[in-house]
PDB file of N, CA and C in Angstrom:
ATOM      1  N   MET A   1     -42.735 -86.941  94.779  1.00  0.00           N
ATOM      2  CA  MET A   1     -43.146 -87.484  94.277  1.00  0.00           C
ATOM      3  C   MET A   1     -42.685 -87.525  93.076  1.00  0.00           C
ATOM      4  N   GLU A   2     -40.704 -88.391  92.379  1.00  0.00           N
ATOM      5  CA  GLU A   2     -40.624 -87.670  91.034  1.00  0.00           C
ATOM      6  C   GLU A   2     -40.654 -88.265  89.663  1.00  0.00           C
ATOM      7  N   CYS A   3     -40.915 -87.296  88.689  1.00  0.00           N
ATOM      8  CA  CYS A   3     -41.001 -87.766  88.072  1.00  0.00           C
ATOM      9  C   CYS A   3     -40.322 -88.329  86.731  1.00  0.00           C
ATOM     10  N   ASP A   4     -41.029 -88.965  85.826  1.00  0.00           N
ATOM     11  CA  ASP A   4     -40.186 -89.827  84.970  1.00  0.00           C
ATOM     12  C   ASP A   4     -39.994 -89.578  83.655  1.00  0.00           C
ATOM     13  N   LEU A   5     -39.674 -88.705  83.064  1.00  0.00           N
ATOM     14  CA  LEU A   5     -39.559 -87.621  81.899  1.00  0.00           C
ATOM     15  C   LEU A   5     -39.223 -88.300  80.584  1.00  0.00           C
ATOM     16  N   MET A   6     -39.094 -88.575  80.029  1.00  0.00           N
ATOM     17  CA  MET A   6     -38.472 -89.832  78.804  1.00  0.00           C
ATOM     18  C   MET A   6     -38.830 -88.760  77.746  1.00  0.00           C
ATOM     19  N   VAL A   7     -37.108 -87.386  77.797  1.00  0.00           N
ATOM     20  CA  VAL A   7     -36.995 -85.918  77.199  1.00  0.00           C
ATOM     21  C   VAL A   7     -36.051 -86.798  76.274  1.00  0.00           C
ATOM     22  N   GLU A   8     -36.424 -86.482  74.835  1.00  0.00           N
ATOM     23  CA  GLU A   8     -34.982 -86.852  73.270  1.00  0.00           C
ATOM     24  C   GLU A   8     -34.973 -85.989  73.225  1.00  0.00           C
ATOM     25  N   PRO A   9     -33.663 -84.670  72.890  1.00  0.00           N
ATOM     26  CA  PRO A   9     -32.525 -85.393  73.362  1.00  0.00           C
ATOM     27  C   PRO A   9     -32.809 -84.769  75.142  1.00  0.00           C
ATOM     28  N   SER A  10     -31.978 -85.205  75.736  1.00  0.00           N
ATOM     29  CA  SER A  10     -31.763 -84.715  76.996  1.00  0.00           C
ATOM     30  C   SER A  10     -31.955 -83.088  77.155  1.00  0.00           C
ATOM     31  N   GLN A  11     -31.122 -82.869  76.242  1.00  0.00           N
ATOM     32  CA  GLN A  11     -31.366 -80.600  76.655  1.00  0.00           C
ATOM     33  C   GLN A  11     -32.170 -80.560  74.816  1.00  0.00           C
ATOM     34  N   ILE A  12     -32.821 -79.257  74.844  1.00  0.00           N
ATOM     35  CA  ILE A  12     -32.986 -78.848  73.252  1.00  0.00           C
ATOM     36  C   ILE A  12     -33.057 -77.338  73.493  1.00  0.00           C
ATOM     37  N   SER A  13     -32.961 -77.097  72.704  1.00  0.00           N
ATOM     38  CA  SER A  13     -32.141 -75.269  71.481  1.00  0.00           C
ATOM     39  C   SER A  13     -32.878 -75.787  70.925  1.00  0.00           C
ATOM     40  N   VAL A  14     -33.293 -74.212  70.765  1.00  0.00           N
ATOM     41  CA  VAL A  14     -34.713 -73.397  70.757  1.00  0.00           C
ATOM     42  C   VAL A  14     -34.814 -72.440  70.053  1.00  0.00           C
ATOM     43  N   ASN A  15     -35.188 -71.517  69.394  1.00  0.00           N
ATOM     44  CA  ASN A  15     -35.727 -69.697  68.959  1.00  0.00           C
ATOM     45  C   ASN A  15     -36.764 -69.407  69.532  1.00  0.00           C
ATOM     46  N   LEU A  16     -37.066 -69.267  70.826  1.00  0.00           N
ATOM     47  CA  LEU A  16     -38.374 -68.943  70.969  1.00  0.00           C
ATOM     48  C   LEU A  16     -38.985 -67.531  70.416  1.00  0.00           C
ATOM     49  N   ASP A  17     -39.944 -67.857  69.227  1.00  0.00           N
ATOM     50  CA  ASP A  17     -40.249 -66.276  68.446  1.00  0.00           C
ATOM     51  C   ASP A  17     -41.315 -65.733  69.596  1.00  0.00           C
ATOM     52  N   ASP A  18     -41.647 -64.062  68.488  1.00  0.00           N
ATOM     53  CA  ASP A  18     -42.777 -63.270  69.563  1.00  0.00           C
ATOM     54  C   ASP A  18     -43.818 -64.737  70.108  1.00  0.00           C
ATOM     55  N   GLU A  19     -44.534 -64.840  69.327  1.00  0.00           N
ATOM     56  CA  GLU A  19     -45.811 -65.416  69.895  1.00  0.00           C
ATOM     57  C   GLU A  19     -45.275 -66.074  71.110  1.00  0.00           C
ATOM     58  N   ASP A  20     -44.411 -67.683  71.254  1.00  0.00           N
ATOM     59  CA  ASP A  20     -43.785 -67.864  71.683  1.00  0.00           C
ATOM     60  C   ASP A  20     -44.065 -67.146  72.920  1.00  0.00           C
ATOM     61  N   LYS A  21     -42.510 -66.236  73.443  1.00  0.00           N
ATOM     62  CA  LYS A  21     -42.760 -64.951  74.463  1.00  0.00           C
ATOM     63  C   LYS A  21     -44.233 -64.643  74.559  1.00  0.00           C
ATOM     64  N   ALA A  22     -45.374 -64.179  73.943  1.00  0.00           N
ATOM     65  CA  ALA A  22     -46.415 -64.213  74.394  1.00  0.00           C
ATOM     66  C   ALA A  22     -47.156 -65.043  75.437  1.00  0.00           C
ATOM     67  N   ALA A  23     -47.526 -66.995  74.363  1.00  0.00           N
ATOM     68  CA  ALA A  23     -47.458 -67.201  75.092  1.00  0.00           C
ATOM     69  C   ALA A  23     -46.492 -68.072  76.888  1.00  0.00           C
ATOM     70  N   LEU A  24     -45.735 -67.613  76.752  1.00  0.00           N
ATOM     71  CA  LEU A  24     -45.391 -68.135  78.742  1.00  0.00           C
ATOM     72  C   LEU A  24     -45.482 -66.255  79.112  1.00  0.00           C
ATOM     73  N   ARG A  25     -46.249 -65.360  78.960  1.00  0.00           N
ATOM     74  CA  ARG A  25     -46.547 -64.762  79.162  1.00  0.00           C
ATOM     75  C   ARG A  25     -47.359 -64.838  79.729  1.00  0.00           C
ATOM     76  N   ARG A  26     -48.414 -65.102  79.153  1.00  0.00           N
ATOM     77  CA  ARG A  26     -49.730 -65.523  79.630  1.00  0.00           C
ATOM     78  C   ARG A  26     -49.356 -66.979  79.911  1.00  0.00           C
ATOM     79  N   ILE A  27     -49.103 -68.014  80.150  1.00  0.00           N
ATOM     80  CA  ILE A  27     -48.666 -68.828  80.931  1.00  0.00           C
ATOM     81  C   ILE A  27     -48.892 -68.797  82.373  1.00  0.00           C
ATOM     82  N   LYS A  28     -47.592 -67.831  82.178  1.00  0.00           N
ATOM     83  CA  LYS A  28     -46.798 -66.782  83.584  1.00  0.00           C
ATOM     84  C   LYS A  28     -47.727 -66.259  84.323  1.00  0.00           C
ATOM     85  N   GLN A  29     -48.487 -65.836  83.240  1.00  0.00           N
ATOM     86  CA  GLN A  29     -50.045 -65.182  84.185  1.00  0.00           C
ATOM     87  C   GLN A  29     -50.768 -66.386  85.077  1.00  0.00           C
ATOM     88  N   ASN A  30     -50.819 -67.323  84.027  1.00  0.00           N
ATOM     89  CA  ASN A  30     -52.147 -68.289  85.050  1.00  0.00           C
ATOM     90  C   ASN A  30     -51.598 -68.961  86.085  1.00  0.00           C
ATOM     91  N   TYR A  31     -49.444 -68.416  85.982  1.00  0.00           N
ATOM     92  CA  TYR A  31     -48.827 -69.322  87.579  1.00  0.00           C
ATOM     93  C   TYR A  31     -49.163 -68.037  88.604  1.00  0.00           C
ATOM     94  N   GLU A  32     -48.660 -67.463  88.102  1.00  0.00           N
ATOM     95  CA  GLU A  32     -49.237 -66.199  89.035  1.00  0.00           C
ATOM     96  C   GLU A  32     -50.532 -66.384  90.158  1.00  0.00           C
ATOM     97  N   SER A  33     -51.087 -66.099  89.541  1.00  0.00           N
ATOM     98  CA  SER A  33     -52.575 -65.938  89.214  1.00  0.00           C
ATOM     99  C   SER A  33     -53.072 -67.520  90.795  1.00  0.00           C
ATOM    100  N   ALA A  34     -51.678 -68.508  90.088  1.00  0.00           N
ATOM    101  CA  ALA A  34     -51.938 -70.071  90.818  1.00  0.00           C
ATOM    102  C   ALA A  34     -51.026 -69.540  92.428  1.00  0.00           C
ATOM    103  N   GLY A  35     -50.814 -68.642  92.122  1.00  0.00           N
ATOM    104  CA  GLY A  35     -49.434 -68.084  93.220  1.00  0.00           C
ATOM    105  C   GLY A  35     -48.247 -69.153  93.593  1.00  0.00           C
ATOM    106  N   LEU A  36     -48.252 -69.472  92.387  1.00  0.00           N
ATOM    107  CA  LEU A  36     -46.932 -70.475  91.544  1.00  0.00           C
ATOM    108  C   LEU A  36     -45.748 -69.228  91.025  1.00  0.00           C
ATOM    109  N   PHE A  37     -45.699 -69.034  91.132  1.00  0.00           N
ATOM    110  CA  PHE A  37     -44.730 -67.698  89.846  1.00  0.00           C
ATOM    111  C   PHE A  37     -43.796 -67.888  90.802  1.00  0.00           C
ATOM    112  N   ALA A  38     -43.583 -67.128  91.930  1.00  0.00           N
ATOM    113  CA  ALA A  38     -42.247 -67.399  93.331  1.00  0.00           C
ATOM    114  C   ALA A  38     -41.610 -68.979  92.979  1.00  0.00           C
ATOM    115  N   ALA A  39     -41.558 -69.552  92.963  1.00  0.00           N
ATOM    116  CA  ALA A  39     -41.412 -70.865  93.152  1.00  0.00           C
ATOM    117  C   ALA A  39     -41.365 -71.340  92.468  1.00  0.00           C
ATOM    118  N   LEU A  40     -41.873 -71.641  90.561  1.00  0.00           N
ATOM    119  CA  LEU A  40     -41.765 -71.400  89.877  1.00  0.00           C
ATOM    120  C   LEU A  40     -39.944 -70.387  89.626  1.00  0.00           C
ATOM    121  N   MET A  41     -40.285 -69.854  89.813  1.00  0.00           N
ATOM    122  CA  MET A  41     -39.018 -68.792  89.036  1.00  0.00           C
ATOM    123  C   MET A  41     -37.773 -69.653  89.734  1.00  0.00           C
ATOM    124  N   SER A  42     -37.749 -69.865  91.387  1.00  0.00           N
ATOM    125  CA  SER A  42     -36.609 -70.562  91.791  1.00  0.00           C
ATOM    126  C   SER A  42     -36.946 -72.062  91.101  1.00  0.00           C
ATOM    127  N   ALA A  43     -37.160 -72.139  90.737  1.00  0.00           N
ATOM    128  CA  ALA A  43     -37.030 -73.951  90.255  1.00  0.00           C
ATOM    129  C   ALA A  43     -36.758 -74.064  88.413  1.00  0.00           C
ATOM    130  N   THR A  44     -36.770 -72.859  87.868  1.00  0.00           N
ATOM    131  CA  THR A  44     -36.805 -73.269  86.577  1.00  0.00           C
ATOM    132  C   THR A  44     -36.191 -71.509  86.182  1.00  0.00           C
ATOM    133  N   HIS A  45     -35.344 -71.847  84.699  1.00  0.00           N
ATOM    134  CA  HIS A  45     -35.578 -70.710  84.483  1.00  0.00           C
ATOM    135  C   HIS A  45     -36.543 -70.004  83.208  1.00  0.00           C
ATOM    136  N   VAL A  46     -36.991 -71.167  82.767  1.00  0.00           N
ATOM    137  CA  VAL A  46     -37.715 -71.017  81.226  1.00  0.00           C
ATOM    138  C   VAL A  46     -38.510 -69.855  81.462  1.00  0.00           C
ATOM    139  N   LEU A  47     -39.680 -69.742  82.169  1.00  0.00           N
ATOM    140  CA  LEU A  47     -40.276 -68.428  82.207  1.00  0.00           C
ATOM    141  C   LEU A  47     -39.560 -66.706  81.502  1.00  0.00           C
ATOM    142  N   SER A  48     -38.515 -67.112  82.661  1.00  0.00           N
ATOM    143  CA  SER A  48     -37.885 -65.770  82.847  1.00  0.00           C
ATOM    144  C   SER A  48     -37.480 -65.302  81.277  1.00  0.00           C
ATOM    145  N   TRP A  49     -37.443 -66.328  80.290  1.00  0.00           N
ATOM    146  CA  TRP A  49     -37.618 -65.835  78.981  1.00  0.00           C
ATOM    147  C   TRP A  49     -38.533 -64.739  77.885  1.00  0.00           C
ATOM    148  N   THR A  50     -39.905 -64.026  78.524  1.00  0.00           N
ATOM    149  CA  THR A  50     -40.572 -64.315  78.444  1.00  0.00           C
ATOM    150  C   THR A  50     -40.422 -62.626  77.898  1.00  0.00           C
ATOM    151  N   ASP A  51     -39.359 -61.771  78.996  1.00  0.00           N
ATOM    152  CA  ASP A  51     -38.872 -60.339  78.330  1.00  0.00           C
ATOM    153  C   ASP A  51     -37.575 -60.043  77.556  1.00  0.00           C
ATOM    154  N   MET A  52     -37.222 -61.234  76.934  1.00  0.00           N
ATOM    155  CA  MET A  52     -35.758 -60.774  76.888  1.00  0.00           C
ATOM    156  C   MET A  52     -36.156 -61.081  75.542  1.00  0.00           C
ATOM    157  N   ASP A  53     -34.433 -60.933  75.157  1.00  0.00           N
ATOM    158  CA  ASP A  53     -34.555 -61.421  73.721  1.00  0.00           C
ATOM    159  C   ASP A  53     -33.173 -62.089  73.547  1.00  0.00           C
ATOM    160  N   VAL A  54     -33.826 -63.570  73.647  1.00  0.00           N
ATOM    161  CA  VAL A  54     -32.576 -64.539  74.374  1.00  0.00           C
ATOM    162  C   VAL A  54     -32.087 -64.529  72.664  1.00  0.00           C
ATOM    163  N   GLY A  55     -32.767 -65.161  71.789  1.00  0.00           N
ATOM    164  CA  GLY A  55     -32.610 -65.816  70.615  1.00  0.00           C
ATOM    165  C   GLY A  55     -32.590 -67.677  70.900  1.00  0.00           C
ATOM    166  N   LEU A  56     -31.503 -68.403  71.041  1.00  0.00           N
ATOM    167  CA  LEU A  56     -31.353 -69.187  71.160  1.00  0.00           C
ATOM    168  C   LEU A  56     -30.858 -69.952  73.205  1.00  0.00           C
ATOM    169  N   VAL A  57     -32.117 -70.726  73.005  1.00  0.00           N
ATOM    170  CA  VAL A  57     -32.236 -70.516  73.923  1.00  0.00           C
ATOM    171  C   VAL A  57     -31.823 -72.621  73.885  1.00  0.00           C
ATOM    172  N   THR A  58     -31.587 -72.743  75.542  1.00  0.00           N
ATOM    173  CA  THR A  58     -31.405 -74.625  75.743  1.00  0.00           C
ATOM    174  C   THR A  58     -32.222 -74.532  76.922  1.00  0.00           C
ATOM    175  N   VAL A  59     -32.558 -75.844  76.971  1.00  0.00           N
ATOM    176  CA  VAL A  59     -33.227 -75.848  77.808  1.00  0.00           C
ATOM    177  C   VAL A  59     -33.375 -77.970  78.272  1.00  0.00           C
ATOM    178  N   GLY A  60     -32.893 -77.930  79.428  1.00  0.00           N
ATOM    179  CA  GLY A  60     -32.581 -78.743  79.781  1.00  0.00           C
ATOM    180  C   GLY A  60     -32.381 -79.838  80.857  1.00  0.00           C
ATOM    181  N   ASN A  61     -32.975 -81.034  81.107  1.00  0.00           N
ATOM    182  CA  ASN A  61     -34.254 -81.851  81.763  1.00  0.00           C
ATOM    183  C   ASN A  61     -34.191 -81.422  83.582  1.00  0.00           C
ATOM    184  N   GLU A  62     -32.728 -81.400  83.229  1.00  0.00           N
ATOM    185  CA  GLU A  62     -33.488 -80.309  84.926  1.00  0.00           C
ATOM    186  C   GLU A  62     -34.426 -79.123  84.888  1.00  0.00           C
ATOM    187  N   ASP A  63     -34.912 -78.432  84.078  1.00  0.00           N
ATOM    188  CA  ASP A  63     -35.536 -78.150  83.958  1.00  0.00           C
ATOM    189  C   ASP A  63     -36.891 -77.777  84.134  1.00  0.00           C
ATOM    190  N   TRP A  64     -37.020 -79.153  82.526  1.00  0.00           N
ATOM    191  CA  TRP A  64     -38.728 -79.636  83.246  1.00  0.00           C
ATOM    192  C   TRP A  64     -38.446 -79.836  84.539  1.00  0.00           C
ATOM    193  N   LEU A  65     -37.365 -80.837  85.055  1.00  0.00           N
ATOM    194  CA  LEU A  65     -38.007 -81.810  85.933  1.00  0.00           C
ATOM    195  C   LEU A  65     -38.582 -80.480  87.370  1.00  0.00           C
ATOM    196  N   GLY A  66     -38.031 -79.251  87.159  1.00  0.00           N
ATOM    197  CA  GLY A  66     -37.793 -78.203  87.712  1.00  0.00           C
ATOM    198  C   GLY A  66     -39.420 -77.775  87.824  1.00  0.00           C
ATOM    199  N   LEU A  67     -39.681 -77.538  86.881  1.00  0.00           N
ATOM    200  CA  LEU A  67     -40.879 -77.018  85.791  1.00  0.00           C
ATOM    201  C   LEU A  67     -42.192 -78.397  86.693  1.00  0.00           C
ATOM    202  N   ALA A  68     -42.383 -79.584  86.120  1.00  0.00           N
ATOM    203  CA  ALA A  68     -42.720 -80.593  86.243  1.00  0.00           C
ATOM    204  C   ALA A  68     -43.002 -80.604  88.165  1.00  0.00           C
ATOM    205  N   LYS A  69     -42.740 -80.972  88.803  1.00  0.00           N
ATOM    206  CA  LYS A  69     -42.451 -80.737  90.324  1.00  0.00           C
ATOM    207  C   LYS A  69     -42.762 -79.680  91.027  1.00  0.00           C
ATOM    208  N   THR A  70     -42.414 -78.674  90.548  1.00  0.00           N
ATOM    209  CA  THR A  70     -43.605 -76.967  91.091  1.00  0.00           C
ATOM    210  C   THR A  70     -44.893 -76.955  90.810  1.00  0.00           C
ATOM    211  N   ILE A  71     -45.737 -78.107  89.136  1.00  0.00           N
ATOM    212  CA  ILE A  71     -46.009 -77.389  89.587  1.00  0.00           C
ATOM    213  C   ILE A  71     -47.565 -78.876  89.310  1.00  0.00           C
ATOM    214  N   ILE A  72     -46.974 -80.123  90.294  1.00  0.00           N
ATOM    215  CA  ILE A  72     -47.319 -81.064  90.974  1.00  0.00           C
ATOM    216  C   ILE A  72     -48.928 -80.177  91.702  1.00  0.00           C
ATOM    217  N   GLY A  73     -50.132 -81.357  91.602  1.00  0.00           N
ATOM    218  CA  GLY A  73     -51.478 -81.032  92.472  1.00  0.00           C
ATOM    219  C   GLY A  73     -51.674 -79.551  92.237  1.00  0.00           C
ATOM    220  N   SER A  74     -50.933 -78.854  91.545  1.00  0.00           N
ATOM    221  CA  SER A  74     -51.564 -77.495  90.899  1.00  0.00           C
ATOM    222  C   SER A  74     -53.196 -77.824  91.191  1.00  0.00           C
ATOM    223  N   ASN A  75     -53.730 -76.030  90.397  1.00  0.00           N
ATOM    224  CA  ASN A  75     -55.060 -76.142  89.867  1.00  0.00           C
ATOM    225  C   ASN A  75     -55.109 -76.430  89.255  1.00  0.00           C
ATOM    226  N   LYS A  76     -56.751 -77.694  89.240  1.00  0.00           N
ATOM    227  CA  LYS A  76     -56.547 -77.929  87.646  1.00  0.00           C
ATOM    228  C   LYS A  76     -57.480 -77.152  86.532  1.00  0.00           C
ATOM    229  N   VAL A  77     -57.206 -75.948  87.421  1.00  0.00           N
ATOM    230  CA  VAL A  77     -58.037 -75.478  85.425  1.00  0.00           C
ATOM    231  C   VAL A  77     -56.758 -73.848  85.647  1.00  0.00           C
ATOM    232  N   ILE A  78     -55.714 -74.019  86.524  1.00  0.00           N
ATOM    233  CA  ILE A  78     -54.852 -73.407  86.533  1.00  0.00           C
ATOM    234  C   ILE A  78     -54.171 -74.499  85.368  1.00  0.00           C
ATOM    235  N   LEU A  79     -53.439 -74.990  85.444  1.00  0.00           N
ATOM    236  CA  LEU A  79     -53.216 -75.838  84.226  1.00  0.00           C
ATOM    237  C   LEU A  79     -54.409 -76.565  82.875  1.00  0.00           C
ATOM    238  N   ALA A  80     -54.679 -76.121  83.719  1.00  0.00           N
ATOM    239  CA  ALA A  80     -55.868 -76.592  81.571  1.00  0.00           C
ATOM    240  C   ALA A  80     -55.709 -75.343  80.844  1.00  0.00           C
ATOM    241  N   GLY A  81     -55.251 -73.940  81.295  1.00  0.00           N
ATOM    242  CA  GLY A  81     -55.087 -73.417  81.030  1.00  0.00           C
ATOM    243  C   GLY A  81     -54.102 -73.011  80.302  1.00  0.00           C
ATOM    244  N   VAL A  82     -52.719 -73.848  81.006  1.00  0.00           N
ATOM    245  CA  VAL A  82     -51.680 -73.901  80.693  1.00  0.00           C
ATOM    246  C   VAL A  82     -51.775 -74.439  79.694  1.00  0.00           C
ATOM    247  N   SER A  83     -51.773 -76.135  80.104  1.00  0.00           N
ATOM    248  CA  SER A  83     -52.550 -77.434  78.785  1.00  0.00           C
ATOM    249  C   SER A  83     -52.829 -76.624  77.757  1.00  0.00           C
ATOM    250  N   SER A  84     -53.593 -75.730  77.287  1.00  0.00           N
ATOM    251  CA  SER A  84     -54.627 -75.324  76.199  1.00  0.00           C
ATOM    252  C   SER A  84     -53.640 -73.869  75.562  1.00  0.00           C
ATOM    253  N   THR A  85     -52.766 -73.382  76.652  1.00  0.00           N
ATOM    254  CA  THR A  85     -51.576 -72.619  75.233  1.00  0.00           C
ATOM    255  C   THR A  85     -50.367 -73.470  74.186  1.00  0.00           C
ATOM    256  N   ALA A  86     -50.435 -74.637  75.207  1.00  0.00           N
ATOM    257  CA  ALA A  86     -49.381 -74.856  75.533  1.00  0.00           C
ATOM    258  C   ALA A  86     -50.013 -75.846  74.156  1.00  0.00           C
ATOM    259  N   ALA A  87     -50.616 -76.663  74.469  1.00  0.00           N
ATOM    260  CA  ALA A  87     -51.041 -76.894  73.195  1.00  0.00           C
ATOM    261  C   ALA A  87     -51.497 -76.132  71.281  1.00  0.00           C
ATOM    262  N   ARG A  88     -51.484 -74.949  71.463  1.00  0.00           N
ATOM    263  CA  ARG A  88     -51.847 -74.376  70.499  1.00  0.00           C
ATOM    264  C   ARG A  88     -50.419 -74.166  69.910  1.00  0.00           C
ATOM    265  N   GLN A  89     -48.802 -73.950  70.588  1.00  0.00           N
ATOM    266  CA  GLN A  89     -48.230 -73.478  70.161  1.00  0.00           C
ATOM    267  C   GLN A  89     -47.676 -74.298  69.442  1.00  0.00           C
ATOM    268  N   TYR A  90     -47.573 -76.195  70.238  1.00  0.00           N
ATOM    269  CA  TYR A  90     -47.112 -76.591  69.760  1.00  0.00           C
ATOM    270  C   TYR A  90     -47.925 -77.380  67.960  1.00  0.00           C
ATOM    271  N   GLN A  91     -49.536 -76.497  67.728  1.00  0.00           N
ATOM    272  CA  GLN A  91     -50.503 -76.896  66.551  1.00  0.00           C
ATOM    273  C   GLN A  91     -49.081 -75.691  65.754  1.00  0.00           C
ATOM    274  N   ARG A  92     -49.063 -74.036  65.912  1.00  0.00           N
ATOM    275  CA  ARG A  92     -48.920 -73.446  65.412  1.00  0.00           C
ATOM    276  C   ARG A  92     -46.919 -74.370  64.784  1.00  0.00           C
ATOM    277  N   HIS A  93     -46.381 -74.474  65.852  1.00  0.00           N
ATOM    278  CA  HIS A  93     -45.134 -75.166  65.305  1.00  0.00           C
ATOM    279  C   HIS A  93     -45.078 -76.380  64.556  1.00  0.00           C
ATOM    280  N   ASN A  94     -46.180 -77.297  64.158  1.00  0.00           N
ATOM    281  CA  ASN A  94     -46.103 -78.279  63.932  1.00  0.00           C
ATOM    282  C   ASN A  94     -46.200 -78.159  63.117  1.00  0.00           C
ATOM    283  N   LEU A  95     -47.055 -77.831  62.635  1.00  0.00           N
ATOM    284  CA  LEU A  95     -47.908 -76.997  60.743  1.00  0.00           C
ATOM    285  C   LEU A  95     -47.004 -76.635  60.736  1.00  0.00           C
ATOM    286  N   ARG A  96     -46.271 -75.004  60.101  1.00  0.00           N
ATOM    287  CA  ARG A  96     -45.586 -73.801  60.062  1.00  0.00           C
ATOM    288  C   ARG A  96     -43.847 -74.074  60.855  1.00  0.00           C
ATOM    289  N   GLY A  97     -44.311 -74.496  61.643  1.00  0.00           N
ATOM    290  CA  GLY A  97     -42.886 -73.777  62.467  1.00  0.00           C
ATOM    291  C   GLY A  97     -40.989 -74.844  61.910  1.00  0.00           C
ATOM    292  N   THR A  98     -40.301 -74.977  63.607  1.00  0.00           N
ATOM    293  CA  THR A  98     -39.031 -75.492  63.273  1.00  0.00           C
ATOM    294  C   THR A  98     -39.435 -76.756  63.781  1.00  0.00           C
ATOM    295  N   PRO A  99     -38.712 -77.980  63.965  1.00  0.00           N
ATOM    296  CA  PRO A  99     -38.878 -79.570  64.874  1.00  0.00           C
ATOM    297  C   PRO A  99     -38.779 -79.299  65.590  1.00  0.00           C
ATOM    298  N   GLU A 100     -37.763 -78.240  66.013  1.00  0.00           N
ATOM    299  CA  GLU A 100     -37.370 -77.774  67.584  1.00  0.00           C
ATOM    300  C   GLU A 100     -38.026 -76.722  68.655  1.00  0.00           C
ATOM    301  N   GLN A 101     -38.662 -75.745  67.464  1.00  0.00           N
ATOM    302  CA  GLN A 101     -40.091 -75.541  68.954  1.00  0.00           C
ATOM    303  C   GLN A 101     -41.059 -76.152  68.728  1.00  0.00           C
ATOM    304  N   ALA A 102     -41.674 -77.553  67.634  1.00  0.00           N
ATOM    305  CA  ALA A 102     -42.902 -77.941  68.255  1.00  0.00           C
ATOM    306  C   ALA A 102     -42.547 -78.877  69.326  1.00  0.00           C
ATOM    307  N   GLN A 103     -40.904 -79.611  69.619  1.00  0.00           N
ATOM    308  CA  GLN A 103     -41.124 -80.436  69.835  1.00  0.00           C
ATOM    309  C   GLN A 103     -40.829 -79.658  71.273  1.00  0.00           C
ATOM    310  N   PHE A 104     -40.110 -78.405  70.913  1.00  0.00           N
ATOM    311  CA  PHE A 104     -40.115 -77.744  72.719  1.00  0.00           C
ATOM    312  C   PHE A 104     -41.682 -77.450  73.638  1.00  0.00           C
ATOM    313  N   TRP A 105     -42.324 -77.352  72.714  1.00  0.00           N
ATOM    314  CA  TRP A 105     -44.295 -76.754  73.273  1.00  0.00           C
ATOM    315  C   TRP A 105     -44.382 -78.218  73.018  1.00  0.00           C
ATOM    316  N   ALA A 106     -44.014 -78.866  72.524  1.00  0.00           N
ATOM    317  CA  ALA A 106     -44.889 -80.724  73.050  1.00  0.00           C
ATOM    318  C   ALA A 106     -44.262 -81.226  73.734  1.00  0.00           C
ATOM    319  N   ILE A 107     -43.047 -80.853  74.713  1.00  0.00           N
ATOM    320  CA  ILE A 107     -43.116 -81.898  76.479  1.00  0.00           C
ATOM    321  C   ILE A 107     -43.519 -81.169  77.158  1.00  0.00           C
ATOM    322  N   TYR A 108     -43.699 -79.199  76.577  1.00  0.00           N
ATOM    323  CA  TYR A 108     -44.084 -78.435  78.577  1.00  0.00           C
ATOM    324  C   TYR A 108     -45.387 -78.883  78.089  1.00  0.00           C
ATOM    325  N   GLN A 109     -46.602 -79.257  77.159  1.00  0.00           N
ATOM    326  CA  GLN A 109     -47.727 -79.357  77.004  1.00  0.00           C
ATOM    327  C   GLN A 109     -47.566 -80.699  78.006  1.00  0.00           C
ATOM    328  N   THR A 110     -46.672 -81.142  78.283  1.00  0.00           N
ATOM    329  CA  THR A 110     -46.538 -83.148  78.741  1.00  0.00           C
ATOM    330  C   THR A 110     -46.199 -82.856  79.594  1.00  0.00           C
ATOM    331  N   ILE A 111     -45.964 -82.007  80.175  1.00  0.00           N
ATOM    332  CA  ILE A 111     -45.217 -82.248  81.878  1.00  0.00           C
ATOM    333  C   ILE A 111     -46.879 -81.913  82.333  1.00  0.00           C
ATOM    334  N   VAL A 112     -46.954 -80.266  81.551  1.00  0.00           N
ATOM    335  CA  VAL A 112     -48.347 -80.338  82.366  1.00  0.00           C
ATOM    336  C   VAL A 112     -49.222 -81.087  82.177  1.00  0.00           C
ATOM    337  N   ALA A 113     -49.539 -82.153  81.525  1.00  0.00           N
ATOM    338  CA  ALA A 113     -51.057 -83.736  81.242  1.00  0.00           C
ATOM    339  C   ALA A 113     -49.731 -84.142  82.188  1.00  0.00           C
ATOM    340  N   ARG A 114     -48.697 -84.800  82.680  1.00  0.00           N
ATOM    341  CA  ARG A 114     -48.637 -85.851  83.796  1.00  0.00           C
ATOM    342  C   ARG A 114     -48.994 -84.159  84.891  1.00  0.00           C
ATOM    343  N   ALA A 115     -48.623 -83.574  85.006  1.00  0.00           N
ATOM    344  CA  ALA A 115     -49.416 -82.702  86.096  1.00  0.00           C
ATOM    345  C   ALA A 115     -50.757 -83.094  86.635  1.00  0.00           C
ATOM    346  N   LEU A 116     -51.913 -83.429  86.069  1.00  0.00           N
ATOM    347  CA  LEU A 116     -52.705 -83.067  85.603  1.00  0.00           C
ATOM    348  C   LEU A 116     -53.114 -83.647  86.213  1.00  0.00           C
ATOM    349  N   LYS A 117     -53.183 -85.407  85.825  1.00  0.00           N
ATOM    350  CA  LYS A 117     -52.928 -86.546  85.676  1.00  0.00           C
ATOM    351  C   LYS A 117     -52.376 -87.126  87.406  1.00  0.00           C
ATOM    352  N   GLY A 118     -51.967 -86.223  88.072  1.00  0.00           N
ATOM    353  CA  GLY A 118     -51.341 -86.509  88.846  1.00  0.00           C
ATOM    354  C   GLY A 118     -49.979 -87.549  89.247  1.00  0.00           C
ATOM    355  N   LYS A 119     -49.609 -87.590  87.061  1.00  0.00           N
ATOM    356  CA  LYS A 119     -48.384 -88.833  87.031  1.00  0.00           C
ATOM    357  C   LYS A 119     -47.288 -87.972  87.621  1.00  0.00           C
ATOM    358  N   CYS A 120     -46.685 -86.675  87.803  1.00  0.00           N
ATOM    359  CA  CYS A 120     -45.411 -86.073  87.183  1.00  0.00           C
ATOM    360  C   CYS A 120     -44.780 -85.816  89.348  1.00  0.00           C
TER     361      CYS A 120
END
């Protein structure tokens, strides 16, 4: 099933802070516990930023689509945990972060929500 993402712009450039990296590490652990991490690493590099000081990162639609295709059909408990982590980060950045940081987490949360509903 193809995931029809309406992401504007088609790629986003964002600086991830230490809390973002910690959140991505928690998400990575969720995926690892579900046996998905190896597949995710081959599909997208989004999670590879957790242990790096990369500064500005760029995420394109191909990365989001790779993530979506890999997590579709995953354990709903795992995805619910990932969704919760992404939602907290979105709220944090929506209140006191940059629009790009909020958008990064909004897109991540949207992909996970669509996967939970089987729409991705």
